[in-house]
Amino acid sequence: MSAEPGPLQTIAKEYEDLRLRNERLQARRQEEVFQKLPACRTIHEQIISLSMEHALKDLYDQPKDEAEYHARMRELRGQKEKLLSDAGYPADYLEPIYRCPICKDKGFVDGKPCSCYERRLREERFAQSGIQKLLETQNFSTLSYRYYEGEDLTRFQKAVACCHEMTAHFDVQRDNLLFYGTVGCGKSFLSGCVARELLDQGYSVIYFSGIALFDILYHDSLYNGLRDLYNYDLVIIDDLGAEMTNSFVTTALFSFINERVLRQKSTIISTNLNLSEIRDRYSDRIASRLVQHYKILRLSGPDIRILQRIQHESEV
């Protein structure tokens, strides 16, 4: 598996850096205020001392007067806020600084991902997937039938119709598509068309090559971060079958497909393998799930990328 840092490692580093920056900023603010307002330092130290004393009583199960403690804390905080306000500072100027007050920039609350963490994970996965660049050229506005004829054209038209149907009724019907066929015949292009349309409608979409997907599934199984990946409205797996197949890949692929089906989330898979080859390479269970829950669309024809390159070179 790849040694490159994935989204989980990238975001963990980001949260750590954020906490360190904010701790340094808070320390600078304290130094600034305490130099100007020595009384504020005294009150701040009293608050810390009172809080520690209360925590120690909890630790050693000693009796304590909760009402008195909270009343004294309110009094001290009120005094500190008044000193700050009178000196022209915001009342919360010395409080800890957090981008997210829910998780306090830790990313997790009670062992579960915070909403801010899940949002950043979606953003990072989207950025690392490279789908933005892909969709600059692969969308319905650039779709053309010029390279197809005969049975190849019929198959492509059927696939395009299924893509339009999927995007038109996505709010009530979550379809799954499997594009298979020869290299360069439009499988990835149609995946991009659906992705662009659904992104424009406000749905969450993520794109992976088969190799990248299994790398993420491997690392996320270690960090228990799969919940977010399963919850994308659409996941695109491009070029399934290019990865090295082993027992982990087979198990992970079945679990991923099955979980997406159970959650009624859409998936598009493109591959050069036909169903028989998918069954032989992975398992009967995976082939069965695909037949049962996916629209199977065969594409055929010339390698359009080669034809486009030849045309471009002839025009230069």
C-alpha atoms as a PDB file:
ATOM      1  CA  MET A   1       0.000   0.000   0.000  1.00  0.00           C
ATOM      2  CA  SER A   2       1.055   3.600  -0.672  1.00  0.00           C
ATOM      3  CA  ALA A   3       3.219   5.373   1.877  1.00  0.00           C
ATOM      4  CA  GLU A   4       1.905   8.799   0.806  1.00  0.00           C
ATOM      5  CA  PRO A   5      -0.059  10.598   3.545  1.00  0.00           C
ATOM      6  CA  GLY A   6      -3.787  10.088   3.057  1.00  0.00           C
ATOM      7  CA  PRO A   7      -6.700  12.344   4.041  1.00  0.00           C
ATOM      8  CA  LEU A   8      -6.787  11.055   7.619  1.00  0.00           C
ATOM      9  CA  GLN A   9      -3.110  11.770   8.241  1.00  0.00           C
ATOM     10  CA  THR A  10      -3.316  15.138   6.482  1.00  0.00           C
ATOM     11  CA  ILE A  11      -6.283  16.281   8.556  1.00  0.00           C
ATOM     12  CA  ALA A  12      -4.811  14.986  11.830  1.00  0.00           C
ATOM     13  CA  LYS A  13      -1.714  17.113  11.143  1.00  0.00           C
ATOM     14  CA  GLU A  14      -3.906  20.090  10.279  1.00  0.00           C
ATOM     15  CA  TYR A  15      -5.816  19.846  13.570  1.00  0.00           C
ATOM     16  CA  GLU A  16      -2.574  19.484  15.533  1.00  0.00           C
ATOM     17  CA  ASP A  17      -1.085  22.561  13.827  1.00  0.00           C
ATOM     18  CA  LEU A  18      -4.287  24.521  14.456  1.00  0.00           C
ATOM     19  CA  ARG A  19      -4.255  23.721  18.166  1.00  0.00           C
ATOM     20  CA  LEU A  20      -0.595  24.708  18.471  1.00  0.00           C
ATOM     21  CA  ARG A  21      -1.156  28.026  16.645  1.00  0.00           C
ATOM     22  CA  ASN A  22      -4.125  28.900  18.838  1.00  0.00           C
ATOM     23  CA  GLU A  23      -2.286  27.934  22.033  1.00  0.00           C
ATOM     24  CA  ARG A  24       0.584  30.234  21.032  1.00  0.00           C
ATOM     25  CA  LEU A  25      -1.871  33.034  20.236  1.00  0.00           C
ATOM     26  CA  GLN A  26      -3.585  32.598  23.604  1.00  0.00           C
ATOM     27  CA  ALA A  27      -0.208  32.689  25.369  1.00  0.00           C
ATOM     28  CA  ARG A  28       0.715  35.933  23.578  1.00  0.00           C
ATOM     29  CA  ARG A  29      -2.599  37.487  24.565  1.00  0.00           C
ATOM     30  CA  GLN A  30      -2.099  36.495  28.195  1.00  0.00           C
ATOM     31  CA  GLU A  31       1.394  37.961  28.247  1.00  0.00           C
ATOM     32  CA  GLU A  32       0.116  41.200  26.703  1.00  0.00           C
ATOM     33  CA  VAL A  33      -2.792  41.591  29.141  1.00  0.00           C
ATOM     34  CA  PHE A  34      -0.915  40.533  32.269  1.00  0.00           C
ATOM     35  CA  GLN A  35       1.782  43.120  31.593  1.00  0.00           C
ATOM     36  CA  LYS A  36      -0.832  45.876  31.283  1.00  0.00           C
ATOM     37  CA  LEU A  37      -3.204  44.554  33.971  1.00  0.00           C
ATOM     38  CA  PRO A  38      -1.373  42.778  36.815  1.00  0.00           C
ATOM     39  CA  ALA A  39      -4.680  42.394  38.678  1.00  0.00           C
ATOM     40  CA  CYS A  40      -5.974  40.330  35.796  1.00  0.00           C
ATOM     41  CA  ARG A  41      -3.044  37.915  36.225  1.00  0.00           C
ATOM     42  CA  THR A  42      -3.902  37.544  39.926  1.00  0.00           C
ATOM     43  CA  ILE A  43      -7.536  36.744  39.170  1.00  0.00           C
ATOM     44  CA  HIS A  44      -6.523  34.339  36.388  1.00  0.00           C
ATOM     45  CA  GLU A  45      -4.237  32.461  38.800  1.00  0.00           C
ATOM     46  CA  GLN A  46      -7.011  32.335  41.405  1.00  0.00           C
ATOM     47  CA  ILE A  47      -9.365  30.766  38.856  1.00  0.00           C
ATOM     48  CA  ILE A  48      -6.769  28.109  37.991  1.00  0.00           C
ATOM     49  CA  SER A  49      -6.074  27.407  41.667  1.00  0.00           C
ATOM     50  CA  LEU A  50      -9.769  27.097  42.511  1.00  0.00           C
ATOM     51  CA  SER A  51     -10.377  24.812  39.560  1.00  0.00           C
ATOM     52  CA  MET A  52      -7.452  22.527  40.494  1.00  0.00           C
ATOM     53  CA  GLU A  53      -8.578  22.381  44.124  1.00  0.00           C
ATOM     54  CA  HIS A  54     -12.058  21.328  42.990  1.00  0.00           C
ATOM     55  CA  ALA A  55     -10.629  18.672  40.657  1.00  0.00           C
ATOM     56  CA  LEU A  56      -8.455  17.220  43.437  1.00  0.00           C
ATOM     57  CA  LYS A  57     -11.470  16.914  45.727  1.00  0.00           C
ATOM     58  CA  ASP A  58     -13.185  14.973  42.935  1.00  0.00           C
ATOM     59  CA  LEU A  59     -10.111  12.779  42.485  1.00  0.00           C
ATOM     60  CA  TYR A  60      -9.851  11.897  46.177  1.00  0.00           C
ATOM     61  CA  ASP A  61     -13.627  11.806  46.725  1.00  0.00           C
ATOM     62  CA  GLN A  62     -13.495  14.592  49.311  1.00  0.00           C
ATOM     63  CA  PRO A  63     -16.604  16.587  50.303  1.00  0.00           C
ATOM     64  CA  LYS A  64     -17.138  19.877  48.472  1.00  0.00           C
ATOM     65  CA  ASP A  65     -19.729  22.617  48.226  1.00  0.00           C
ATOM     66  CA  GLU A  66     -20.701  22.773  44.541  1.00  0.00           C
ATOM     67  CA  ALA A  67     -22.871  25.864  44.940  1.00  0.00           C
ATOM     68  CA  GLU A  68     -20.087  27.771  46.676  1.00  0.00           C
ATOM     69  CA  TYR A  69     -17.546  26.681  44.066  1.00  0.00           C
ATOM     70  CA  HIS A  70     -19.647  27.796  41.111  1.00  0.00           C
ATOM     71  CA  ALA A  71     -20.588  31.064  42.809  1.00  0.00           C
ATOM     72  CA  ARG A  72     -16.920  31.863  43.467  1.00  0.00           C
ATOM     73  CA  MET A  73     -15.978  30.978  39.858  1.00  0.00           C
ATOM     74  CA  ARG A  74     -18.700  33.281  38.499  1.00  0.00           C
ATOM     75  CA  GLU A  75     -17.455  36.073  40.763  1.00  0.00           C
ATOM     76  CA  LEU A  76     -13.827  35.714  39.650  1.00  0.00           C
ATOM     77  CA  ARG A  77     -14.736  35.468  35.962  1.00  0.00           C
ATOM     78  CA  GLY A  78     -16.965  38.519  36.289  1.00  0.00           C
ATOM     79  CA  GLN A  79     -14.090  40.486  37.840  1.00  0.00           C
ATOM     80  CA  LYS A  80     -11.720  39.410  35.058  1.00  0.00           C
ATOM     81  CA  GLU A  81     -14.198  40.272  32.305  1.00  0.00           C
ATOM     82  CA  LYS A  82     -14.781  43.729  33.821  1.00  0.00           C
ATOM     83  CA  LEU A  83     -11.037  44.435  33.964  1.00  0.00           C
ATOM     84  CA  LEU A  84     -10.712  43.405  30.322  1.00  0.00           C
ATOM     85  CA  SER A  85     -13.736  45.420  29.240  1.00  0.00           C
ATOM     86  CA  ASP A  86     -12.601  48.548  31.076  1.00  0.00           C
ATOM     87  CA  ALA A  87      -9.209  48.257  29.315  1.00  0.00           C
ATOM     88  CA  GLY A  88     -10.884  47.950  25.913  1.00  0.00           C
ATOM     89  CA  TYR A  89     -10.496  44.181  25.431  1.00  0.00           C
ATOM     90  CA  PRO A  90     -13.275  41.702  24.526  1.00  0.00           C
ATOM     91  CA  ALA A  91     -14.570  39.852  27.585  1.00  0.00           C
ATOM     92  CA  ASP A  92     -13.391  36.493  26.166  1.00  0.00           C
ATOM     93  CA  TYR A  93      -9.960  37.767  25.087  1.00  0.00           C
ATOM     94  CA  LEU A  94      -8.076  35.364  27.377  1.00  0.00           C
ATOM     95  CA  GLU A  95     -10.288  32.325  26.791  1.00  0.00           C
ATOM     96  CA  PRO A  96      -8.965  29.315  24.833  1.00  0.00           C
ATOM     97  CA  ILE A  97      -9.264  29.844  21.065  1.00  0.00           C
ATOM     98  CA  TYR A  98     -11.066  27.210  18.998  1.00  0.00           C
ATOM     99  CA  ARG A  99     -12.128  27.066  15.374  1.00  0.00           C
ATOM    100  CA  CYS A 100     -14.744  24.494  16.422  1.00  0.00           C
ATOM    101  CA  PRO A 101     -16.202  24.981  19.915  1.00  0.00           C
ATOM    102  CA  ILE A 102     -17.909  21.574  19.737  1.00  0.00           C
ATOM    103  CA  CYS A 103     -14.779  19.388  19.646  1.00  0.00           C
ATOM    104  CA  LYS A 104     -12.341  22.143  20.701  1.00  0.00           C
ATOM    105  CA  ASP A 105     -10.310  21.417  17.551  1.00  0.00           C
ATOM    106  CA  LYS A 106      -9.678  17.799  18.460  1.00  0.00           C
ATOM    107  CA  GLY A 107     -11.829  16.478  15.613  1.00  0.00           C
ATOM    108  CA  PHE A 108     -13.651  13.985  17.833  1.00  0.00           C
ATOM    109  CA  VAL A 109     -16.285  14.120  20.559  1.00  0.00           C
ATOM    110  CA  ASP A 110     -16.617  11.082  22.821  1.00  0.00           C
ATOM    111  CA  GLY A 111     -14.643   9.029  20.333  1.00  0.00           C
ATOM    112  CA  LYS A 112     -16.882   9.959  17.378  1.00  0.00           C
ATOM    113  CA  PRO A 113     -15.926  12.276  14.481  1.00  0.00           C
ATOM    114  CA  CYS A 114     -17.120  15.841  14.943  1.00  0.00           C
ATOM    115  CA  SER A 115     -19.164  17.451  12.165  1.00  0.00           C
ATOM    116  CA  CYS A 116     -16.197  19.743  11.420  1.00  0.00           C
ATOM    117  CA  TYR A 117     -13.913  16.717  11.004  1.00  0.00           C
ATOM    118  CA  GLU A 118     -16.342  14.971   8.668  1.00  0.00           C
ATOM    119  CA  ARG A 119     -16.645  18.136   6.589  1.00  0.00           C
ATOM    120  CA  ARG A 120     -12.866  18.485   6.310  1.00  0.00           C
ATOM    121  CA  LEU A 121     -12.537  14.806   5.439  1.00  0.00           C
ATOM    122  CA  ARG A 122     -15.002  15.226   2.559  1.00  0.00           C
ATOM    123  CA  GLU A 123     -13.151  18.315   1.356  1.00  0.00           C
ATOM    124  CA  GLU A 124      -9.740  16.636   1.544  1.00  0.00           C
ATOM    125  CA  ARG A 125     -10.882  13.473  -0.182  1.00  0.00           C
ATOM    126  CA  PHE A 126     -12.502  15.543  -2.912  1.00  0.00           C
ATOM    127  CA  ALA A 127      -9.299  17.541  -3.368  1.00  0.00           C
ATOM    128  CA  GLN A 128      -7.063  14.453  -3.415  1.00  0.00           C
ATOM    129  CA  SER A 129      -9.328  12.560  -5.807  1.00  0.00           C
ATOM    130  CA  GLY A 130      -8.457  14.913  -8.665  1.00  0.00           C
ATOM    131  CA  ILE A 131     -12.064  15.016  -9.831  1.00  0.00           C
ATOM    132  CA  GLN A 132     -12.044  18.801 -10.372  1.00  0.00           C
ATOM    133  CA  LYS A 133      -9.582  18.538 -13.259  1.00  0.00           C
ATOM    134  CA  LEU A 134     -11.376  15.487 -14.634  1.00  0.00           C
ATOM    135  CA  LEU A 135     -14.700  17.327 -14.841  1.00  0.00           C
ATOM    136  CA  GLU A 136     -13.266  20.228 -16.812  1.00  0.00           C
ATOM    137  CA  THR A 137     -13.440  18.035 -19.920  1.00  0.00           C
ATOM    138  CA  GLN A 138     -15.729  15.168 -18.898  1.00  0.00           C
ATOM    139  CA  ASN A 139     -19.301  16.440 -18.646  1.00  0.00           C
ATOM    140  CA  PHE A 140     -22.527  16.386 -20.650  1.00  0.00           C
ATOM    141  CA  SER A 141     -21.699  19.699 -22.366  1.00  0.00           C
ATOM    142  CA  THR A 142     -18.700  18.091 -24.104  1.00  0.00           C
ATOM    143  CA  LEU A 143     -20.414  14.766 -24.892  1.00  0.00           C
ATOM    144  CA  SER A 144     -20.175  13.703 -28.537  1.00  0.00           C
ATOM    145  CA  TYR A 145     -21.328  10.689 -30.548  1.00  0.00           C
ATOM    146  CA  ARG A 146     -18.923  11.327 -33.416  1.00  0.00           C
ATOM    147  CA  TYR A 147     -16.571   8.436 -32.629  1.00  0.00           C
ATOM    148  CA  TYR A 148     -19.283   5.763 -32.469  1.00  0.00           C
ATOM    149  CA  GLU A 149     -21.185   3.895 -35.130  1.00  0.00           C
ATOM    150  CA  GLY A 150     -23.304   0.781 -35.465  1.00  0.00           C
ATOM    151  CA  GLU A 151     -23.607  -1.383 -32.359  1.00  0.00           C
ATOM    152  CA  ASP A 152     -21.006   0.738 -30.536  1.00  0.00           C
ATOM    153  CA  LEU A 153     -23.226   3.798 -31.015  1.00  0.00           C
ATOM    154  CA  THR A 154     -26.329   1.941 -29.811  1.00  0.00           C
ATOM    155  CA  ARG A 155     -24.560   0.856 -26.637  1.00  0.00           C
ATOM    156  CA  PHE A 156     -23.221   4.344 -25.964  1.00  0.00           C
ATOM    157  CA  GLN A 157     -26.632   5.948 -26.491  1.00  0.00           C
ATOM    158  CA  LYS A 158     -28.195   3.480 -24.056  1.00  0.00           C
ATOM    159  CA  ALA A 159     -25.518   4.280 -21.455  1.00  0.00           C
ATOM    160  CA  VAL A 160     -26.013   8.036 -21.912  1.00  0.00           C
ATOM    161  CA  ALA A 161     -29.782   7.598 -21.447  1.00  0.00           C
ATOM    162  CA  CYS A 162     -29.175   5.702 -18.189  1.00  0.00           C
ATOM    163  CA  CYS A 163     -26.886   8.491 -16.969  1.00  0.00           C
ATOM    164  CA  HIS A 164     -29.499  11.142 -17.711  1.00  0.00           C
ATOM    165  CA  GLU A 165     -32.164   9.073 -15.973  1.00  0.00           C
ATOM    166  CA  MET A 166     -29.929   8.627 -12.934  1.00  0.00           C
ATOM    167  CA  THR A 167     -29.253  12.346 -12.526  1.00  0.00           C
ATOM    168  CA  ALA A 168     -32.858  13.365 -13.259  1.00  0.00           C
ATOM    169  CA  HIS A 169     -34.331  11.143 -10.541  1.00  0.00           C
ATOM    170  CA  PHE A 170     -31.465  11.068  -8.038  1.00  0.00           C
ATOM    171  CA  ASP A 171     -33.571  12.667  -5.305  1.00  0.00           C
ATOM    172  CA  VAL A 172     -35.969   9.703  -5.234  1.00  0.00           C
ATOM    173  CA  GLN A 173     -34.025   6.834  -6.837  1.00  0.00           C
ATOM    174  CA  ARG A 174     -30.400   6.005  -6.106  1.00  0.00           C
ATOM    175  CA  ASP A 175     -29.164   3.912  -9.041  1.00  0.00           C
ATOM    176  CA  ASN A 176     -25.842   2.096  -9.323  1.00  0.00           C
ATOM    177  CA  LEU A 177     -24.035   1.760 -12.655  1.00  0.00           C
ATOM    178  CA  LEU A 178     -21.340  -0.622 -13.855  1.00  0.00           C
ATOM    179  CA  PHE A 179     -19.647   0.402 -17.096  1.00  0.00           C
ATOM    180  CA  TYR A 180     -17.477  -2.288 -18.663  1.00  0.00           C
ATOM    181  CA  GLY A 181     -15.780  -2.635 -22.013  1.00  0.00           C
ATOM    182  CA  THR A 182     -12.683  -1.905 -24.017  1.00  0.00           C
ATOM    183  CA  VAL A 183     -10.082   0.723 -23.162  1.00  0.00           C
ATOM    184  CA  GLY A 184     -10.942   4.324 -24.044  1.00  0.00           C
ATOM    185  CA  CYS A 185     -14.538   3.736 -25.122  1.00  0.00           C
ATOM    186  CA  GLY A 186     -16.141   6.307 -22.810  1.00  0.00           C
ATOM    187  CA  LYS A 187     -16.588   4.583 -19.432  1.00  0.00           C
ATOM    188  CA  SER A 188     -14.711   7.170 -17.375  1.00  0.00           C
ATOM    189  CA  PHE A 189     -16.197   9.980 -19.445  1.00  0.00           C
ATOM    190  CA  LEU A 190     -19.765   8.997 -18.592  1.00  0.00           C
ATOM    191  CA  SER A 191     -18.846   8.669 -14.911  1.00  0.00           C
ATOM    192  CA  GLY A 192     -17.599  12.239 -15.075  1.00  0.00           C
ATOM    193  CA  CYS A 193     -20.814  13.406 -16.732  1.00  0.00           C
ATOM    194  CA  VAL A 194     -22.897  12.016 -13.866  1.00  0.00           C
ATOM    195  CA  ALA A 195     -20.486  13.441 -11.277  1.00  0.00           C
ATOM    196  CA  ARG A 196     -20.615  16.963 -12.748  1.00  0.00           C
ATOM    197  CA  GLU A 197     -24.398  16.942 -12.924  1.00  0.00           C
ATOM    198  CA  LEU A 198     -24.860  15.740  -9.337  1.00  0.00           C
ATOM    199  CA  LEU A 199     -22.247  18.126  -7.957  1.00  0.00           C
ATOM    200  CA  ASP A 200     -24.126  20.967  -9.626  1.00  0.00           C
ATOM    201  CA  GLN A 201     -27.287  19.737  -7.883  1.00  0.00           C
ATOM    202  CA  GLY A 202     -25.521  19.937  -4.510  1.00  0.00           C
ATOM    203  CA  TYR A 203     -24.843  16.244  -3.871  1.00  0.00           C
ATOM    204  CA  SER A 204     -21.587  14.952  -2.401  1.00  0.00           C
ATOM    205  CA  VAL A 205     -19.461  13.093  -4.948  1.00  0.00           C
ATOM    206  CA  ILE A 206     -16.048  11.465  -4.660  1.00  0.00           C
ATOM    207  CA  TYR A 207     -13.885   9.756  -7.276  1.00  0.00           C
ATOM    208  CA  PHE A 208     -11.181   7.125  -6.869  1.00  0.00           C
ATOM    209  CA  SER A 209      -9.191   4.881  -9.106  1.00  0.00           C
ATOM    210  CA  GLY A 210      -9.533   1.281  -8.000  1.00  0.00           C
ATOM    211  CA  ILE A 211      -5.953   1.353  -6.704  1.00  0.00           C
ATOM    212  CA  ALA A 212      -6.555   4.532  -4.655  1.00  0.00           C
ATOM    213  CA  LEU A 213      -9.813   3.195  -3.230  1.00  0.00           C
ATOM    214  CA  PHE A 214      -8.224   0.063  -1.798  1.00  0.00           C
ATOM    215  CA  ASP A 215      -5.362   2.092  -0.370  1.00  0.00           C
ATOM    216  CA  ILE A 216      -7.914   4.265   1.442  1.00  0.00           C
ATOM    217  CA  LEU A 217      -9.958   1.272   2.585  1.00  0.00           C
ATOM    218  CA  TYR A 218      -6.793  -0.282   3.992  1.00  0.00           C
ATOM    219  CA  HIS A 219      -5.754   2.819   5.935  1.00  0.00           C
ATOM    220  CA  ASP A 220      -9.284   3.699   7.032  1.00  0.00           C
ATOM    221  CA  SER A 221      -9.774   0.219   8.424  1.00  0.00           C
ATOM    222  CA  LEU A 222      -6.838   1.001  10.714  1.00  0.00           C
ATOM    223  CA  TYR A 223      -8.133   4.438  11.720  1.00  0.00           C
ATOM    224  CA  ASN A 224     -11.846   3.523  11.828  1.00  0.00           C
ATOM    225  CA  GLY A 225     -12.740   6.366   9.485  1.00  0.00           C
ATOM    226  CA  LEU A 226     -14.967   4.521   7.005  1.00  0.00           C
ATOM    227  CA  ARG A 227     -18.267   6.056   8.094  1.00  0.00           C
ATOM    228  CA  ASP A 228     -17.664   9.239   6.125  1.00  0.00           C
ATOM    229  CA  LEU A 229     -16.599   7.397   2.983  1.00  0.00           C
ATOM    230  CA  TYR A 230     -19.752   5.277   3.044  1.00  0.00           C
ATOM    231  CA  ASN A 231     -21.967   8.363   3.332  1.00  0.00           C
ATOM    232  CA  TYR A 232     -21.083  10.134   0.070  1.00  0.00           C
ATOM    233  CA  ASP A 233     -24.144  10.420  -2.167  1.00  0.00           C
ATOM    234  CA  LEU A 234     -22.083   9.082  -5.078  1.00  0.00           C
ATOM    235  CA  VAL A 235     -18.775   7.231  -5.121  1.00  0.00           C
ATOM    236  CA  ILE A 236     -17.062   6.629  -8.480  1.00  0.00           C
ATOM    237  CA  ILE A 237     -14.569   3.765  -8.743  1.00  0.00           C
ATOM    238  CA  ASP A 238     -12.617   4.067 -11.968  1.00  0.00           C
ATOM    239  CA  ASP A 239     -10.619   1.287 -13.603  1.00  0.00           C
ATOM    240  CA  LEU A 240     -11.515  -1.475 -11.175  1.00  0.00           C
ATOM    241  CA  GLY A 241      -9.239  -4.439 -11.850  1.00  0.00           C
ATOM    242  CA  ALA A 242      -6.020  -2.478 -12.312  1.00  0.00           C
ATOM    243  CA  GLU A 243      -5.094  -3.094  -8.674  1.00  0.00           C
ATOM    244  CA  MET A 244      -3.248  -6.153  -7.362  1.00  0.00           C
ATOM    245  CA  THR A 245      -5.958  -8.511  -6.148  1.00  0.00           C
ATOM    246  CA  ASN A 246      -5.568 -10.336  -2.840  1.00  0.00           C
ATOM    247  CA  SER A 247      -7.778 -11.496   0.038  1.00  0.00           C
ATOM    248  CA  PHE A 248      -7.927  -7.997   1.557  1.00  0.00           C
ATOM    249  CA  VAL A 249      -9.020  -6.445  -1.742  1.00  0.00           C
ATOM    250  CA  THR A 250     -11.729  -9.058  -2.268  1.00  0.00           C
ATOM    251  CA  THR A 251     -13.101  -8.681   1.256  1.00  0.00           C
ATOM    252  CA  ALA A 252     -12.896  -4.884   1.193  1.00  0.00           C
ATOM    253  CA  LEU A 253     -14.623  -4.645  -2.197  1.00  0.00           C
ATOM    254  CA  PHE A 254     -17.528  -6.833  -1.110  1.00  0.00           C
ATOM    255  CA  SER A 255     -17.931  -4.933   2.172  1.00  0.00           C
ATOM    256  CA  PHE A 256     -17.803  -1.590   0.392  1.00  0.00           C
ATOM    257  CA  ILE A 257     -20.341  -2.543  -2.290  1.00  0.00           C
ATOM    258  CA  ASN A 258     -22.640  -4.199   0.220  1.00  0.00           C
ATOM    259  CA  GLU A 259     -22.521  -1.324   2.709  1.00  0.00           C
ATOM    260  CA  ARG A 260     -23.271   1.242   0.006  1.00  0.00           C
ATOM    261  CA  VAL A 261     -26.264  -0.828  -1.134  1.00  0.00           C
ATOM    262  CA  LEU A 262     -27.573  -1.162   2.426  1.00  0.00           C
ATOM    263  CA  ARG A 263     -27.287   2.595   2.952  1.00  0.00           C
ATOM    264  CA  GLN A 264     -28.985   3.240  -0.405  1.00  0.00           C
ATOM    265  CA  LYS A 265     -26.018   5.260  -1.638  1.00  0.00           C
ATOM    266  CA  SER A 266     -25.109   5.302  -5.324  1.00  0.00           C
ATOM    267  CA  THR A 267     -21.910   3.917  -6.788  1.00  0.00           C
ATOM    268  CA  ILE A 268     -20.539   3.946 -10.332  1.00  0.00           C
ATOM    269  CA  ILE A 269     -17.878   1.411 -11.280  1.00  0.00           C
ATOM    270  CA  SER A 270     -15.945   1.380 -14.540  1.00  0.00           C
ATOM    271  CA  THR A 271     -13.779  -1.571 -15.494  1.00  0.00           C
ATOM    272  CA  ASN A 272     -12.230  -3.369 -18.433  1.00  0.00           C
ATOM    273  CA  LEU A 273     -13.411  -6.672 -16.926  1.00  0.00           C
ATOM    274  CA  ASN A 274     -16.639  -8.380 -17.934  1.00  0.00           C
ATOM    275  CA  LEU A 275     -18.862 -10.050 -15.337  1.00  0.00           C
ATOM    276  CA  SER A 276     -17.272 -13.440 -15.806  1.00  0.00           C
ATOM    277  CA  GLU A 277     -13.820 -11.962 -15.256  1.00  0.00           C
ATOM    278  CA  ILE A 278     -15.067 -10.029 -12.203  1.00  0.00           C
ATOM    279  CA  ARG A 279     -16.409 -13.268 -10.739  1.00  0.00           C
ATOM    280  CA  ASP A 280     -13.143 -15.104 -11.389  1.00  0.00           C
ATOM    281  CA  ARG A 281     -10.926 -12.303 -10.086  1.00  0.00           C
ATOM    282  CA  TYR A 282     -12.947 -11.409  -6.985  1.00  0.00           C
ATOM    283  CA  SER A 283     -15.780 -13.735  -5.972  1.00  0.00           C
ATOM    284  CA  ASP A 284     -19.225 -15.055  -6.861  1.00  0.00           C
ATOM    285  CA  ARG A 285     -20.671 -12.926  -4.059  1.00  0.00           C
ATOM    286  CA  ILE A 286     -19.353  -9.711  -5.582  1.00  0.00           C
ATOM    287  CA  ALA A 287     -20.561 -10.618  -9.081  1.00  0.00           C
ATOM    288  CA  SER A 288     -23.961 -11.509  -7.633  1.00  0.00           C
ATOM    289  CA  ARG A 289     -24.255  -8.167  -5.795  1.00  0.00           C
ATOM    290  CA  LEU A 290     -23.405  -6.300  -8.987  1.00  0.00           C
ATOM    291  CA  VAL A 291     -25.963  -8.195 -11.068  1.00  0.00           C
ATOM    292  CA  GLN A 292     -28.628  -7.712  -8.409  1.00  0.00           C
ATOM    293  CA  HIS A 293     -28.110  -4.026  -7.589  1.00  0.00           C
ATOM    294  CA  TYR A 294     -26.358  -2.417 -10.591  1.00  0.00           C
ATOM    295  CA  LYS A 295     -27.355  -1.512 -14.109  1.00  0.00           C
ATOM    296  CA  ILE A 296     -24.748  -3.349 -16.191  1.00  0.00           C
ATOM    297  CA  LEU A 297     -23.788  -1.346 -19.273  1.00  0.00           C
ATOM    298  CA  ARG A 298     -21.359  -2.596 -21.882  1.00  0.00           C
ATOM    299  CA  LEU A 299     -19.467  -0.051 -23.972  1.00  0.00           C
ATOM    300  CA  SER A 300     -17.400  -0.804 -27.031  1.00  0.00           C
ATOM    301  CA  GLY A 301     -15.633   0.965 -29.832  1.00  0.00           C
ATOM    302  CA  PRO A 302     -12.262   2.494 -30.662  1.00  0.00           C
ATOM    303  CA  ASP A 303      -9.950   4.067 -28.125  1.00  0.00           C
ATOM    304  CA  ILE A 304     -11.326   7.598 -28.291  1.00  0.00           C
ATOM    305  CA  ARG A 305      -8.365   9.106 -26.455  1.00  0.00           C
ATOM    306  CA  ILE A 306      -6.015   7.881 -29.192  1.00  0.00           C
ATOM    307  CA  LEU A 307      -8.314   9.215 -31.915  1.00  0.00           C
ATOM    308  CA  GLN A 308      -8.527  12.593 -30.190  1.00  0.00           C
ATOM    309  CA  ARG A 309      -4.752  12.754 -29.827  1.00  0.00           C
ATOM    310  CA  ILE A 310      -4.251  11.928 -33.504  1.00  0.00           C
ATOM    311  CA  GLN A 311      -6.764  14.601 -34.466  1.00  0.00           C
ATOM    312  CA  HIS A 312      -5.103  17.161 -32.181  1.00  0.00           C
ATOM    313  CA  GLU A 313      -1.634  16.429 -33.589  1.00  0.00           C
ATOM    314  CA  SER A 314      -2.916  16.729 -37.144  1.00  0.00           C
ATOM    315  CA  GLU A 315      -4.353  20.171 -36.369  1.00  0.00           C
ATOM    316  CA  VAL A 316      -1.140  21.508 -34.796  1.00  0.00           C
END
